[in-house]
Amino acid sequence: MSKFGLVGKNIAYSFSKDHFSAKFDNEELPYSYVNFDIENISRFPEILKENDDIVGLNVTIPYKEQVIPYLDGLHKTAAEIGAVNTIKFYPSGKIKGFNTDYYGFMKSIKPLLKPHHTHALILGTGGASKAIAYALKKLNLSFDYVSRNADSNAEFLYANLTEENIKNHQVIINCTPIGTYPNVNECPDIPYDGITKEHLLFDLIYNPILTKFLMCGEIQGATVCNGSKMLEYQAEKAWDIWTK
């Protein structure tokens, strides 16, 4: 039986396995979907060696950038973004990286955008944030990064972020894993009092459905959205890539 799977770290919470397993059952497709939960990306070649029936993989935190050296090539969009969340296996034995995160994000946030949503804050500087930045460029929104690390080239550090900075960025996107189940009482350390009803908060996290980050936005009257639709859209795009 041909096999698909997800490569990541601490991924028991992930929706991908349930999503694709249900798809295979409903459509009576002869495939299985497996979580490859690894402590280090150096184990990636072992996965391939031990599972020669893999035909497609998803990649999640923290390996969207780290997996690239193990691939034979990148689709031009993945190369431009600098991160991979989908891998296709070809009959030749070659494996190629794609990025469908940007597509899922664009499709899910677009209906929520208003004319005054012109400036965004991206919380985090990892592989997921790169796909979000690519999508924001396509949507003609300017953006700034927020990071914990002074050497990250981010425009803002969490330690220096002010309410005024928040007020000047009407779209705030959490691209970090902070607040993911089971750590549901955690949230990015930003000055939430700067959030208004004019704001849109988007969290890439989908478990829990309403993160503390989104709750804090709701309290301030902001529009909020979790990552469930984004995940569905990017998963279907991945399926198109694997099967076309």
Protein backbone atom coordinates (compact mmCIF):
# COMPACT_ATOMS: atom_id res chain seq x y z
CA MET A 1 0.00 0.00 0.00
CA SER A 2 1.36 3.43 -0.95
CA LYS A 3 2.01 5.72 1.96
CA PHE A 4 1.76 9.45 2.69
CA GLY A 5 2.90 11.10 5.88
CA LEU A 6 3.82 14.10 8.00
CA VAL A 7 7.36 14.93 9.14
CA GLY A 8 7.64 17.08 12.24
CA LYS A 9 8.40 17.20 15.95
CA ASN A 10 5.80 16.66 18.69
CA ILE A 11 3.02 16.32 16.10
CA ALA A 12 0.48 14.15 17.92
CA TYR A 13 -1.89 17.16 17.81
CA SER A 14 -1.76 17.39 14.00
CA PHE A 15 -4.89 17.45 11.87
CA SER A 16 -3.15 16.09 8.77
CA LYS A 17 -3.32 12.39 9.63
CA ASP A 18 -7.03 12.51 10.48
CA HIS A 19 -7.77 14.65 7.40
CA PHE A 20 -6.07 12.38 4.90
CA SER A 21 -7.05 9.11 6.60
CA ALA A 22 -10.70 10.19 6.42
CA LYS A 23 -10.24 11.19 2.78
CA PHE A 24 -8.76 7.80 1.92
CA ASP A 25 -11.61 5.99 3.72
CA ASN A 26 -14.38 8.12 2.22
CA GLU A 27 -13.03 7.84 -1.31
CA GLU A 28 -11.96 4.20 -0.89
CA LEU A 29 -8.39 4.99 -1.86
CA PRO A 30 -5.69 2.36 -1.21
CA TYR A 31 -3.40 4.63 0.81
CA SER A 32 -2.30 5.13 4.40
CA TYR A 33 -1.04 8.25 6.23
CA VAL A 34 1.62 8.10 8.94
CA ASN A 35 3.09 10.62 11.39
CA PHE A 36 6.90 10.62 11.35
CA ASP A 37 7.64 12.35 14.65
CA ILE A 38 11.41 12.86 14.78
CA GLU A 39 13.70 14.62 17.26
CA ASN A 40 16.12 15.81 14.59
CA ILE A 41 15.97 16.34 10.82
CA SER A 42 19.09 14.15 10.49
CA ARG A 43 16.69 11.19 10.82
CA PHE A 44 14.93 12.15 7.58
CA PRO A 45 17.05 9.81 5.38
CA GLU A 46 16.18 6.93 7.74
CA ILE A 47 12.47 7.58 7.15
CA LEU A 48 13.00 7.30 3.41
CA LYS A 49 15.16 4.19 3.73
CA GLU A 50 12.71 2.41 6.03
CA ASN A 51 9.60 3.39 4.04
CA ASP A 52 10.21 2.83 0.34
CA ASP A 53 6.47 2.97 -0.31
CA ILE A 54 6.18 6.71 0.47
CA VAL A 55 4.74 8.73 -2.40
CA GLY A 56 4.21 12.09 -0.68
CA LEU A 57 5.02 13.94 2.54
CA ASN A 58 3.88 17.00 4.44
CA VAL A 59 6.43 18.86 6.55
CA THR A 60 5.67 20.92 9.64
CA ILE A 61 7.42 22.78 12.46
CA PRO A 62 10.37 22.85 12.95
CA TYR A 63 11.63 21.27 9.71
CA LYS A 64 10.20 23.39 6.88
CA GLU A 65 13.60 24.97 6.23
CA GLN A 66 15.83 22.21 7.61
CA VAL A 67 14.49 19.58 5.18
CA ILE A 68 15.59 21.49 2.06
CA PRO A 69 19.18 20.12 1.87
CA TYR A 70 17.77 16.57 1.76
CA LEU A 71 15.71 17.24 -1.39
CA ASP A 72 16.71 16.88 -5.03
CA GLY A 73 15.01 20.10 -6.08
CA LEU A 74 12.50 22.83 -5.24
CA HIS A 75 9.49 24.22 -7.04
CA LYS A 76 10.17 27.87 -7.87
CA THR A 77 7.66 29.14 -5.28
CA ALA A 78 9.22 27.04 -2.51
CA ALA A 79 12.65 28.28 -3.57
CA GLU A 80 11.48 31.89 -3.42
CA ILE A 81 9.84 31.40 -0.03
CA GLY A 82 12.75 29.40 1.38
CA ALA A 83 10.55 26.82 3.09
CA VAL A 84 8.89 23.52 2.18
CA ASN A 85 5.73 21.94 3.57
CA THR A 86 4.99 19.42 0.80
CA ILE A 87 7.29 16.83 -0.80
CA LYS A 88 6.52 14.90 -3.96
CA PHE A 89 8.19 11.59 -4.82
CA TYR A 90 8.70 10.90 -8.52
CA PRO A 91 9.00 7.48 -10.25
CA SER A 92 12.61 8.38 -11.07
CA GLY A 93 13.39 8.36 -7.35
CA LYS A 94 13.84 12.12 -7.18
CA ILE A 95 12.07 14.10 -4.45
CA LYS A 96 11.02 17.73 -4.86
CA GLY A 97 9.86 20.33 -2.34
CA PHE A 98 6.79 22.56 -2.70
CA ASN A 99 5.09 25.15 -0.54
CA THR A 100 1.29 25.16 -0.19
CA ASP A 101 1.16 27.13 3.09
CA TYR A 102 1.09 30.47 1.27
CA TYR A 103 -1.86 29.30 -0.85
CA GLY A 104 -3.84 28.10 2.18
CA PHE A 105 -3.16 31.33 4.06
CA MET A 106 -4.07 33.57 1.13
CA LYS A 107 -7.33 31.76 0.46
CA SER A 108 -8.41 31.81 4.11
CA ILE A 109 -7.48 35.42 5.01
CA LYS A 110 -8.57 37.12 1.78
CA PRO A 111 -12.33 37.19 2.62
CA LEU A 112 -11.54 38.84 5.99
CA LEU A 113 -9.42 41.71 4.70
CA LYS A 114 -10.86 45.25 4.75
CA PRO A 115 -9.51 48.35 2.94
CA HIS A 116 -7.87 49.63 6.15
CA HIS A 117 -5.91 46.38 6.58
CA THR A 118 -2.70 47.62 4.97
CA HIS A 119 0.04 46.88 7.52
CA ALA A 120 0.72 43.50 9.11
CA LEU A 121 2.86 42.14 11.92
CA ILE A 122 4.26 38.63 11.50
CA LEU A 123 5.00 37.01 14.86
CA GLY A 124 7.94 34.66 14.35
CA THR A 125 10.66 34.29 11.75
CA GLY A 126 10.64 30.54 10.97
CA GLY A 127 9.60 28.61 7.87
CA ALA A 128 5.88 29.24 8.35
CA SER A 129 6.41 32.99 8.58
CA LYS A 130 8.26 33.00 5.27
CA ALA A 131 5.23 31.57 3.47
CA ILE A 132 3.00 34.16 5.16
CA ALA A 133 5.33 36.97 4.06
CA TYR A 134 5.18 35.68 0.47
CA ALA A 135 1.38 35.67 0.61
CA LEU A 136 1.20 39.17 2.09
CA LYS A 137 3.34 40.46 -0.79
CA LYS A 138 0.88 38.88 -3.23
CA LEU A 139 -1.97 40.59 -1.33
CA ASN A 140 -0.13 43.96 -1.43
CA LEU A 141 0.09 44.27 2.35
CA SER A 142 3.24 45.69 3.91
CA PHE A 143 4.56 43.76 6.90
CA ASP A 144 7.14 43.70 9.68
CA TYR A 145 8.52 40.75 11.59
CA VAL A 146 8.59 40.36 15.38
CA SER A 147 11.23 38.10 16.93
CA ARG A 148 12.76 37.17 20.28
CA ASN A 149 16.25 37.32 18.81
CA ALA A 150 18.17 40.52 18.09
CA ASP A 151 20.19 38.82 15.33
CA SER A 152 17.12 37.78 13.30
CA ASN A 153 16.86 40.95 11.18
CA ALA A 154 13.28 41.39 12.43
CA GLU A 155 11.99 44.95 12.57
CA PHE A 156 10.71 44.50 16.12
CA LEU A 157 11.69 42.52 19.20
CA TYR A 158 8.94 41.35 21.53
CA ALA A 159 10.73 43.15 24.36
CA ASN A 160 10.50 46.50 22.54
CA LEU A 161 7.05 46.22 20.96
CA THR A 162 4.71 49.06 22.02
CA GLU A 163 0.95 49.61 21.94
CA GLU A 164 1.56 52.20 19.24
CA ASN A 165 3.31 49.59 17.09
CA ILE A 166 0.28 47.34 17.52
CA LYS A 167 -2.15 50.13 16.61
CA ASN A 168 -0.17 50.85 13.44
CA HIS A 169 -0.39 47.22 12.25
CA GLN A 170 -4.02 46.27 11.81
CA VAL A 171 -3.29 42.64 10.85
CA ILE A 172 -1.36 40.43 13.29
CA ILE A 173 -0.43 36.87 12.33
CA ASN A 174 0.91 34.34 14.81
CA CYS A 175 3.36 32.06 13.00
CA THR A 176 4.84 30.62 16.19
CA PRO A 177 3.75 27.39 17.92
CA ILE A 178 3.06 29.35 21.15
CA GLY A 179 -0.39 28.38 22.41
CA THR A 180 -0.62 25.03 20.62
CA TYR A 181 -2.27 22.20 22.58
CA PRO A 182 -1.43 21.21 25.29
CA ASN A 183 0.13 24.60 26.15
CA VAL A 184 -3.19 26.40 25.77
CA ASN A 185 -2.53 29.03 28.45
CA GLU A 186 0.41 30.49 26.53
CA CYS A 187 0.33 33.29 23.97
CA PRO A 188 2.81 35.56 22.18
CA ASP A 189 4.03 38.34 24.48
CA ILE A 190 2.69 41.45 22.75
CA PRO A 191 0.89 44.54 24.16
CA TYR A 192 -2.68 43.38 23.54
CA ASP A 193 -4.13 46.67 24.84
CA GLY A 194 -3.10 48.21 21.51
CA ILE A 195 -5.57 45.96 19.63
CA THR A 196 -8.84 47.56 18.49
CA LYS A 197 -12.01 46.52 16.66
CA GLU A 198 -10.21 47.55 13.46
CA HIS A 199 -7.71 44.71 13.91
CA LEU A 200 -7.64 41.25 12.34
CA LEU A 201 -5.78 38.55 14.27
CA PHE A 202 -4.90 35.34 12.42
CA ASP A 203 -3.38 32.35 14.20
CA LEU A 204 -1.82 29.53 12.16
CA ILE A 205 -2.60 27.26 15.12
CA TYR A 206 -5.85 25.26 14.86
CA ASN A 207 -5.65 23.19 18.05
CA PRO A 208 -7.15 24.63 20.21
CA ILE A 209 -9.77 26.23 17.96
CA LEU A 210 -9.56 29.47 19.95
CA THR A 211 -6.04 30.13 21.19
CA LYS A 212 -5.26 32.54 24.00
CA PHE A 213 -3.81 34.88 21.34
CA LEU A 214 -7.18 34.96 19.57
CA MET A 215 -9.10 35.25 22.86
CA CYS A 216 -7.08 38.33 23.78
CA GLY A 217 -7.93 39.81 20.38
CA GLU A 218 -11.63 39.04 20.76
CA ILE A 219 -11.72 40.78 24.13
CA GLN A 220 -10.45 43.92 22.39
CA GLY A 221 -13.13 43.62 19.68
CA ALA A 222 -10.85 42.37 16.89
CA THR A 223 -11.86 39.97 14.11
CA VAL A 224 -10.10 36.64 14.70
CA CYS A 225 -9.40 33.54 12.62
CA ASN A 226 -7.61 30.29 13.40
CA GLY A 227 -5.58 28.12 11.02
CA SER A 228 -8.14 25.37 10.33
CA LYS A 229 -9.28 26.64 6.92
CA MET A 230 -5.70 27.40 5.94
CA LEU A 231 -4.76 23.83 6.78
CA GLU A 232 -7.63 22.40 4.76
CA TYR A 233 -6.75 24.53 1.73
CA GLN A 234 -3.04 23.75 1.85
CA ALA A 235 -3.77 20.03 2.34
CA GLU A 236 -5.97 19.92 -0.75
CA LYS A 237 -3.30 21.80 -2.72
CA ALA A 238 -0.75 19.23 -1.55
CA TRP A 239 -3.05 16.45 -2.74
CA ASP A 240 -3.25 18.09 -6.17
CA ILE A 241 0.56 18.20 -6.33
CA TRP A 242 0.96 14.56 -5.29
CA THR A 243 -1.62 13.23 -7.73
CA LYS A 244 -1.39 15.45 -10.81
